[in-house]
Structure formats: structure tokens, C-alpha cells
Amino acid sequence: MRILDLGCGKRKYQSKNLKDEVIGVDVDKNSQADVIHNLDKFPYPFQNNEFDLVYASHILEHLDNPVFFLKKSEE
């Protein structure tokens, strides 16, 4: 399974399944992110349907427009 961890910070999501691939995204260059990207900027640098699961913990309060983020996530 491919997992996208949005706003991973210094603790990227750890899957219990060692076969899973976790890609972390964060704006902070000192994070564990595999991809440095501002989560307020769309589009994100990924293809549609590239991930099986999106993990986004404790990021809404850091976004400029969390409602827009949630609407874009539905697309």
C-alpha cells in the first residue's frame, strides 16, 4: 500500500506493514519529509489516485484555508 503523510513533521507515519511505502510531505526542510511542499499550495506534486491512504494528523490548524483543503481532498 502507498501511504501519503501530509504534514509529517519530524514523525513520519509508521505503518505496521513493512511492505507499505510511506511518503511524507511537509514544508519544513528539517522534517522527515520525502517531499518539501507548502500544503496551502495546490496542486500537490502527485498524480491523482497515486496513494491508497492519506494520513493528515494535526495539520488543519496550520493551514491558511482548511475548508478549501478538505474540499480539494474530496476531488
PDB file of N, CA and C in Angstrom:
ATOM      1  N   MET A   1       0.835  -1.165   0.000  1.00  0.00           N
ATOM      2  CA  MET A   1       0.000   0.000   0.000  1.00  0.00           C
ATOM      3  C   MET A   1       0.887   1.237   0.000  1.00  0.00           C
ATOM      4  N   ARG A   2       0.469   2.250  -0.723  1.00  0.00           N
ATOM      5  CA  ARG A   2       1.181   3.538  -0.728  1.00  0.00           C
ATOM      6  C   ARG A   2       0.414   4.513   0.154  1.00  0.00           C
ATOM      7  N   ILE A   3       1.125   5.106   1.101  1.00  0.00           N
ATOM      8  CA  ILE A   3       0.512   5.995   2.078  1.00  0.00           C
ATOM      9  C   ILE A   3       1.147   7.374   1.958  1.00  0.00           C
ATOM     10  N   LEU A   4       0.297   8.401   1.911  1.00  0.00           N
ATOM     11  CA  LEU A   4       0.762   9.785   1.875  1.00  0.00           C
ATOM     12  C   LEU A   4       0.534  10.394   3.248  1.00  0.00           C
ATOM     13  N   ASP A   5       1.591  10.868   3.885  1.00  0.00           N
ATOM     14  CA  ASP A   5       1.516  11.516   5.199  1.00  0.00           C
ATOM     15  C   ASP A   5       1.685  13.016   4.995  1.00  0.00           C
ATOM     16  N   LEU A   6       0.563  13.737   5.057  1.00  0.00           N
ATOM     17  CA  LEU A   6       0.586  15.185   4.864  1.00  0.00           C
ATOM     18  C   LEU A   6       0.928  15.880   6.175  1.00  0.00           C
ATOM     19  N   GLY A   7       1.926  16.742   6.130  1.00  0.00           N
ATOM     20  CA  GLY A   7       2.365  17.445   7.336  1.00  0.00           C
ATOM     21  C   GLY A   7       3.057  16.511   8.308  1.00  0.00           C
ATOM     22  N   CYS A   8       3.925  15.677   7.793  1.00  0.00           N
ATOM     23  CA  CYS A   8       4.546  14.622   8.600  1.00  0.00           C
ATOM     24  C   CYS A   8       5.436  15.148   9.717  1.00  0.00           C
ATOM     25  N   GLY A   9       5.996  16.322   9.535  1.00  0.00           N
ATOM     26  CA  GLY A   9       6.880  16.876  10.565  1.00  0.00           C
ATOM     27  C   GLY A   9       8.070  15.963  10.830  1.00  0.00           C
ATOM     28  N   LYS A  10       8.439  15.846  12.076  1.00  0.00           N
ATOM     29  CA  LYS A  10       9.605  15.038  12.443  1.00  0.00           C
ATOM     30  C   LYS A  10       9.223  13.614  12.832  1.00  0.00           C
ATOM     31  N   ARG A  11       7.948  13.255  12.644  1.00  0.00           N
ATOM     32  CA  ARG A  11       7.478  11.900  12.966  1.00  0.00           C
ATOM     33  C   ARG A  11       6.615  11.384  11.822  1.00  0.00           C
ATOM     34  N   LYS A  12       7.247  10.923  10.797  1.00  0.00           N
ATOM     35  CA  LYS A  12       6.503  10.382   9.659  1.00  0.00           C
ATOM     36  C   LYS A  12       5.744   9.133  10.076  1.00  0.00           C
ATOM     37  N   TYR A  13       4.563   8.960   9.513  1.00  0.00           N
ATOM     38  CA  TYR A  13       3.703   7.821   9.822  1.00  0.00           C
ATOM     39  C   TYR A  13       4.474   6.510   9.665  1.00  0.00           C
ATOM     40  N   GLN A  14       4.325   5.639  10.652  1.00  0.00           N
ATOM     41  CA  GLN A  14       4.988   4.336  10.627  1.00  0.00           C
ATOM     42  C   GLN A  14       3.928   3.258  10.451  1.00  0.00           C
ATOM     43  N   SER A  15       3.905   2.636   9.311  1.00  0.00           N
ATOM     44  CA  SER A  15       2.948   1.574   9.057  1.00  0.00           C
ATOM     45  C   SER A  15       3.390   0.288   9.750  1.00  0.00           C
ATOM     46  N   LYS A  16       2.426  -0.484  10.187  1.00  0.00           N
ATOM     47  CA  LYS A  16       2.742  -1.776  10.814  1.00  0.00           C
ATOM     48  C   LYS A  16       3.131  -2.805   9.768  1.00  0.00           C
ATOM     49  N   ASN A  17       2.772  -2.539   8.528  1.00  0.00           N
ATOM     50  CA  ASN A  17       3.105  -3.443   7.426  1.00  0.00           C
ATOM     51  C   ASN A  17       4.394  -2.958   6.767  1.00  0.00           C
ATOM     52  N   LEU A  18       5.437  -3.721   6.863  1.00  0.00           N
ATOM     53  CA  LEU A  18       6.738  -3.318   6.320  1.00  0.00           C
ATOM     54  C   LEU A  18       6.742  -3.186   4.801  1.00  0.00           C
ATOM     55  N   LYS A  19       5.752  -3.753   4.132  1.00  0.00           N
ATOM     56  CA  LYS A  19       5.667  -3.652   2.674  1.00  0.00           C
ATOM     57  C   LYS A  19       5.079  -2.319   2.219  1.00  0.00           C
ATOM     58  N   ASP A  20       4.441  -1.593   3.136  1.00  0.00           N
ATOM     59  CA  ASP A  20       3.854  -0.304   2.782  1.00  0.00           C
ATOM     60  C   ASP A  20       4.940   0.725   2.499  1.00  0.00           C
ATOM     61  N   GLU A  21       4.656   1.592   1.561  1.00  0.00           N
ATOM     62  CA  GLU A  21       5.552   2.709   1.250  1.00  0.00           C
ATOM     63  C   GLU A  21       4.896   3.985   1.754  1.00  0.00           C
ATOM     64  N   VAL A  22       5.583   4.701   2.637  1.00  0.00           N
ATOM     65  CA  VAL A  22       5.054   5.935   3.206  1.00  0.00           C
ATOM     66  C   VAL A  22       5.849   7.109   2.647  1.00  0.00           C
ATOM     67  N   ILE A  23       5.126   8.058   2.061  1.00  0.00           N
ATOM     68  CA  ILE A  23       5.735   9.277   1.524  1.00  0.00           C
ATOM     69  C   ILE A  23       5.287  10.431   2.403  1.00  0.00           C
ATOM     70  N   GLY A  24       6.231  11.097   3.030  1.00  0.00           N
ATOM     71  CA  GLY A  24       5.930  12.229   3.899  1.00  0.00           C
ATOM     72  C   GLY A  24       6.073  13.541   3.154  1.00  0.00           C
ATOM     73  N   VAL A  25       5.152  14.464   3.462  1.00  0.00           N
ATOM     74  CA  VAL A  25       5.181  15.800   2.865  1.00  0.00           C
ATOM     75  C   VAL A  25       5.123  16.821   3.990  1.00  0.00           C
ATOM     76  N   ASP A  26       5.989  17.820   3.896  1.00  0.00           N
ATOM     77  CA  ASP A  26       5.987  18.888   4.884  1.00  0.00           C
ATOM     78  C   ASP A  26       6.675  20.107   4.282  1.00  0.00           C
ATOM     79  N   VAL A  27       6.377  21.266   4.814  1.00  0.00           N
ATOM     80  CA  VAL A  27       7.012  22.497   4.360  1.00  0.00           C
ATOM     81  C   VAL A  27       8.386  22.687   5.018  1.00  0.00           C
ATOM     82  N   ASP A  28       8.591  22.053   6.160  1.00  0.00           N
ATOM     83  CA  ASP A  28       9.820  22.209   6.935  1.00  0.00           C
ATOM     84  C   ASP A  28      10.942  21.331   6.372  1.00  0.00           C
ATOM     85  N   LYS A  29      12.019  21.963   5.986  1.00  0.00           N
ATOM     86  CA  LYS A  29      13.159  21.229   5.432  1.00  0.00           C
ATOM     87  C   LYS A  29      13.867  20.365   6.475  1.00  0.00           C
ATOM     88  N   ASN A  30      13.618  20.621   7.752  1.00  0.00           N
ATOM     89  CA  ASN A  30      14.225  19.828   8.829  1.00  0.00           C
ATOM     90  C   ASN A  30      13.320  18.691   9.301  1.00  0.00           C
ATOM     91  N   SER A  31      12.284  18.412   8.545  1.00  0.00           N
ATOM     92  CA  SER A  31      11.346  17.344   8.906  1.00  0.00           C
ATOM     93  C   SER A  31      11.824  16.019   8.319  1.00  0.00           C
ATOM     94  N   GLN A  32      11.020  14.977   8.504  1.00  0.00           N
ATOM     95  CA  GLN A  32      11.308  13.676   7.898  1.00  0.00           C
ATOM     96  C   GLN A  32      10.680  13.571   6.499  1.00  0.00           C
ATOM     97  N   ALA A  33      10.252  14.672   5.945  1.00  0.00           N
ATOM     98  CA  ALA A  33       9.546  14.665   4.667  1.00  0.00           C
ATOM     99  C   ALA A  33      10.419  14.159   3.528  1.00  0.00           C
ATOM    100  N   ASP A  34       9.778  13.392   2.658  1.00  0.00           N
ATOM    101  CA  ASP A  34      10.402  12.965   1.413  1.00  0.00           C
ATOM    102  C   ASP A  34      10.216  14.039   0.351  1.00  0.00           C
ATOM    103  N   VAL A  35       9.136  14.810   0.508  1.00  0.00           N
ATOM    104  CA  VAL A  35       8.794  15.879  -0.431  1.00  0.00           C
ATOM    105  C   VAL A  35       8.557  17.151   0.379  1.00  0.00           C
ATOM    106  N   ILE A  36       9.272  18.223   0.022  1.00  0.00           N
ATOM    107  CA  ILE A  36       9.064  19.522   0.664  1.00  0.00           C
ATOM    108  C   ILE A  36       8.056  20.288  -0.191  1.00  0.00           C
ATOM    109  N   HIS A  37       6.914  20.603   0.432  1.00  0.00           N
ATOM    110  CA  HIS A  37       5.858  21.305  -0.302  1.00  0.00           C
ATOM    111  C   HIS A  37       4.962  22.030   0.693  1.00  0.00           C
ATOM    112  N   ASN A  38       4.558  23.244   0.346  1.00  0.00           N
ATOM    113  CA  ASN A  38       3.625  24.023   1.151  1.00  0.00           C
ATOM    114  C   ASN A  38       2.223  23.456   0.921  1.00  0.00           C
ATOM    115  N   LEU A  39       1.596  22.928   1.953  1.00  0.00           N
ATOM    116  CA  LEU A  39       0.297  22.276   1.808  1.00  0.00           C
ATOM    117  C   LEU A  39      -0.839  23.249   1.520  1.00  0.00           C
ATOM    118  N   ASP A  40      -0.570  24.557   1.568  1.00  0.00           N
ATOM    119  CA  ASP A  40      -1.562  25.548   1.159  1.00  0.00           C
ATOM    120  C   ASP A  40      -1.555  25.765  -0.350  1.00  0.00           C
ATOM    121  N   LYS A  41      -0.577  25.224  -1.033  1.00  0.00           N
ATOM    122  CA  LYS A  41      -0.425  25.432  -2.476  1.00  0.00           C
ATOM    123  C   LYS A  41      -0.909  24.206  -3.256  1.00  0.00           C
ATOM    124  N   PHE A  42      -1.893  24.430  -4.104  1.00  0.00           N
ATOM    125  CA  PHE A  42      -2.420  23.366  -4.958  1.00  0.00           C
ATOM    126  C   PHE A  42      -2.044  23.658  -6.397  1.00  0.00           C
ATOM    127  N   PRO A  43      -1.847  22.647  -7.217  1.00  0.00           N
ATOM    128  CA  PRO A  43      -1.973  21.225  -6.914  1.00  0.00           C
ATOM    129  C   PRO A  43      -0.737  20.704  -6.188  1.00  0.00           C
ATOM    130  N   TYR A  44      -0.915  19.588  -5.502  1.00  0.00           N
ATOM    131  CA  TYR A  44       0.197  18.908  -4.865  1.00  0.00           C
ATOM    132  C   TYR A  44       0.987  18.165  -5.942  1.00  0.00           C
ATOM    133  N   PRO A  45       2.258  17.880  -5.701  1.00  0.00           N
ATOM    134  CA  PRO A  45       3.113  17.289  -6.745  1.00  0.00           C
ATOM    135  C   PRO A  45       2.948  15.769  -6.896  1.00  0.00           C
ATOM    136  N   PHE A  46       1.695  15.321  -6.976  1.00  0.00           N
ATOM    137  CA  PHE A  46       1.407  13.891  -7.121  1.00  0.00           C
ATOM    138  C   PHE A  46       0.301  13.698  -8.149  1.00  0.00           C
ATOM    139  N   GLN A  47       0.250  12.512  -8.725  1.00  0.00           N
ATOM    140  CA  GLN A  47      -0.801  12.161  -9.672  1.00  0.00           C
ATOM    141  C   GLN A  47      -2.075  11.792  -8.904  1.00  0.00           C
ATOM    142  N   ASN A  48      -3.219  11.941  -9.551  1.00  0.00           N
ATOM    143  CA  ASN A  48      -4.477  11.501  -8.958  1.00  0.00           C
ATOM    144  C   ASN A  48      -4.431   9.999  -8.710  1.00  0.00           C
ATOM    145  N   ASN A  49      -5.009   9.576  -7.622  1.00  0.00           N
ATOM    146  CA  ASN A  49      -5.118   8.161  -7.263  1.00  0.00           C
ATOM    147  C   ASN A  49      -3.769   7.465  -7.103  1.00  0.00           C
ATOM    148  N   GLU A  50      -2.743   8.212  -6.766  1.00  0.00           N
ATOM    149  CA  GLU A  50      -1.401   7.643  -6.595  1.00  0.00           C
ATOM    150  C   GLU A  50      -1.253   6.923  -5.254  1.00  0.00           C
ATOM    151  N   PHE A  51      -2.098   7.293  -4.282  1.00  0.00           N
ATOM    152  CA  PHE A  51      -1.973   6.726  -2.940  1.00  0.00           C
ATOM    153  C   PHE A  51      -3.239   5.977  -2.544  1.00  0.00           C
ATOM    154  N   ASP A  52      -3.043   4.964  -1.719  1.00  0.00           N
ATOM    155  CA  ASP A  52      -4.158   4.170  -1.217  1.00  0.00           C
ATOM    156  C   ASP A  52      -4.742   4.769   0.054  1.00  0.00           C
ATOM    157  N   LEU A  53      -3.918   5.514   0.779  1.00  0.00           N
ATOM    158  CA  LEU A  53      -4.336   6.087   2.054  1.00  0.00           C
ATOM    159  C   LEU A  53      -3.653   7.435   2.234  1.00  0.00           C
ATOM    160  N   VAL A  54      -4.400   8.403   2.746  1.00  0.00           N
ATOM    161  CA  VAL A  54      -3.825   9.709   3.071  1.00  0.00           C
ATOM    162  C   VAL A  54      -3.974   9.913   4.573  1.00  0.00           C
ATOM    163  N   TYR A  55      -2.855  10.171   5.215  1.00  0.00           N
ATOM    164  CA  TYR A  55      -2.800  10.395   6.662  1.00  0.00           C
ATOM    165  C   TYR A  55      -2.494  11.873   6.872  1.00  0.00           C
ATOM    166  N   ALA A  56      -3.385  12.572   7.585  1.00  0.00           N
ATOM    167  CA  ALA A  56      -3.200  14.000   7.829  1.00  0.00           C
ATOM    168  C   ALA A  56      -3.566  14.279   9.286  1.00  0.00           C
ATOM    169  N   SER A  57      -2.594  14.214  10.161  1.00  0.00           N
ATOM    170  CA  SER A  57      -2.837  14.387  11.586  1.00  0.00           C
ATOM    171  C   SER A  57      -2.283  15.725  12.063  1.00  0.00           C
ATOM    172  N   HIS A  58      -3.106  16.494  12.727  1.00  0.00           N
ATOM    173  CA  HIS A  58      -2.693  17.770  13.329  1.00  0.00           C
ATOM    174  C   HIS A  58      -2.166  18.767  12.298  1.00  0.00           C
ATOM    175  N   ILE A  59      -2.841  18.860  11.154  1.00  0.00           N
ATOM    176  CA  ILE A  59      -2.375  19.854  10.177  1.00  0.00           C
ATOM    177  C   ILE A  59      -3.401  20.932   9.891  1.00  0.00           C
ATOM    178  N   LEU A  60      -4.686  20.662  10.118  1.00  0.00           N
ATOM    179  CA  LEU A  60      -5.722  21.629   9.748  1.00  0.00           C
ATOM    180  C   LEU A  60      -5.501  22.996  10.387  1.00  0.00           C
ATOM    181  N   GLU A  61      -5.072  23.010  11.633  1.00  0.00           N
ATOM    182  CA  GLU A  61      -4.879  24.286  12.327  1.00  0.00           C
ATOM    183  C   GLU A  61      -3.695  25.082  11.786  1.00  0.00           C
ATOM    184  N   HIS A  62      -2.862  24.469  10.962  1.00  0.00           N
ATOM    185  CA  HIS A  62      -1.710  25.146  10.389  1.00  0.00           C
ATOM    186  C   HIS A  62      -1.967  25.679   8.971  1.00  0.00           C
ATOM    187  N   LEU A  63      -3.091  25.311   8.390  1.00  0.00           N
ATOM    188  CA  LEU A  63      -3.406  25.710   7.019  1.00  0.00           C
ATOM    189  C   LEU A  63      -4.102  27.063   6.989  1.00  0.00           C
ATOM    190  N   ASP A  64      -3.837  27.824   5.918  1.00  0.00           N
ATOM    191  CA  ASP A  64      -4.494  29.123   5.751  1.00  0.00           C
ATOM    192  C   ASP A  64      -5.992  28.967   5.530  1.00  0.00           C
ATOM    193  N   ASN A  65      -6.393  27.923   4.771  1.00  0.00           N
ATOM    194  CA  ASN A  65      -7.790  27.721   4.444  1.00  0.00           C
ATOM    195  C   ASN A  65      -8.134  26.230   4.577  1.00  0.00           C
ATOM    196  N   PRO A  66      -8.391  25.767   5.788  1.00  0.00           N
ATOM    197  CA  PRO A  66      -8.644  24.343   5.985  1.00  0.00           C
ATOM    198  C   PRO A  66      -9.883  23.833   5.262  1.00  0.00           C
ATOM    199  N   VAL A  67     -10.904  24.671   5.093  1.00  0.00           N
ATOM    200  CA  VAL A  67     -12.106  24.237   4.371  1.00  0.00           C
ATOM    201  C   VAL A  67     -11.766  23.964   2.912  1.00  0.00           C
ATOM    202  N   PHE A  68     -10.966  24.804   2.297  1.00  0.00           N
ATOM    203  CA  PHE A  68     -10.539  24.579   0.913  1.00  0.00           C
ATOM    204  C   PHE A  68      -9.724  23.298   0.809  1.00  0.00           C
ATOM    205  N   PHE A  69      -8.837  23.065   1.769  1.00  0.00           N
ATOM    206  CA  PHE A  69      -8.048  21.835   1.804  1.00  0.00           C
ATOM    207  C   PHE A  69      -8.955  20.619   1.828  1.00  0.00           C
ATOM    208  N   LEU A  70      -9.965  20.631   2.692  1.00  0.00           N
ATOM    209  CA  LEU A  70     -10.879  19.484   2.793  1.00  0.00           C
ATOM    210  C   LEU A  70     -11.686  19.292   1.515  1.00  0.00           C
ATOM    211  N   LYS A  71     -12.100  20.372   0.885  1.00  0.00           N
ATOM    212  CA  LYS A  71     -12.835  20.247  -0.381  1.00  0.00           C
ATOM    213  C   LYS A  71     -11.941  19.701  -1.477  1.00  0.00           C
ATOM    214  N   LYS A  72     -10.704  20.139  -1.542  1.00  0.00           N
ATOM    215  CA  LYS A  72      -9.768  19.636  -2.550  1.00  0.00           C
ATOM    216  C   LYS A  72      -9.464  18.157  -2.303  1.00  0.00           C
ATOM    217  N   SER A  73      -9.471  17.750  -1.044  1.00  0.00           N
ATOM    218  CA  SER A  73      -9.193  16.361  -0.704  1.00  0.00           C
ATOM    219  C   SER A  73     -10.277  15.430  -1.216  1.00  0.00           C
ATOM    220  N   GLU A  74     -11.474  15.935  -1.402  1.00  0.00           N
ATOM    221  CA  GLU A  74     -12.585  15.115  -1.899  1.00  0.00           C
ATOM    222  C   GLU A  74     -12.480  14.866  -3.389  1.00  0.00           C
ATOM    223  N   GLU A  75     -11.760  15.703  -4.101  1.00  0.00           N
ATOM    224  CA  GLU A  75     -11.679  15.587  -5.570  1.00  0.00           C
ATOM    225  C   GLU A  75     -10.925  14.367  -6.016  1.00  0.00           C
TER     226      GLU A  75
END
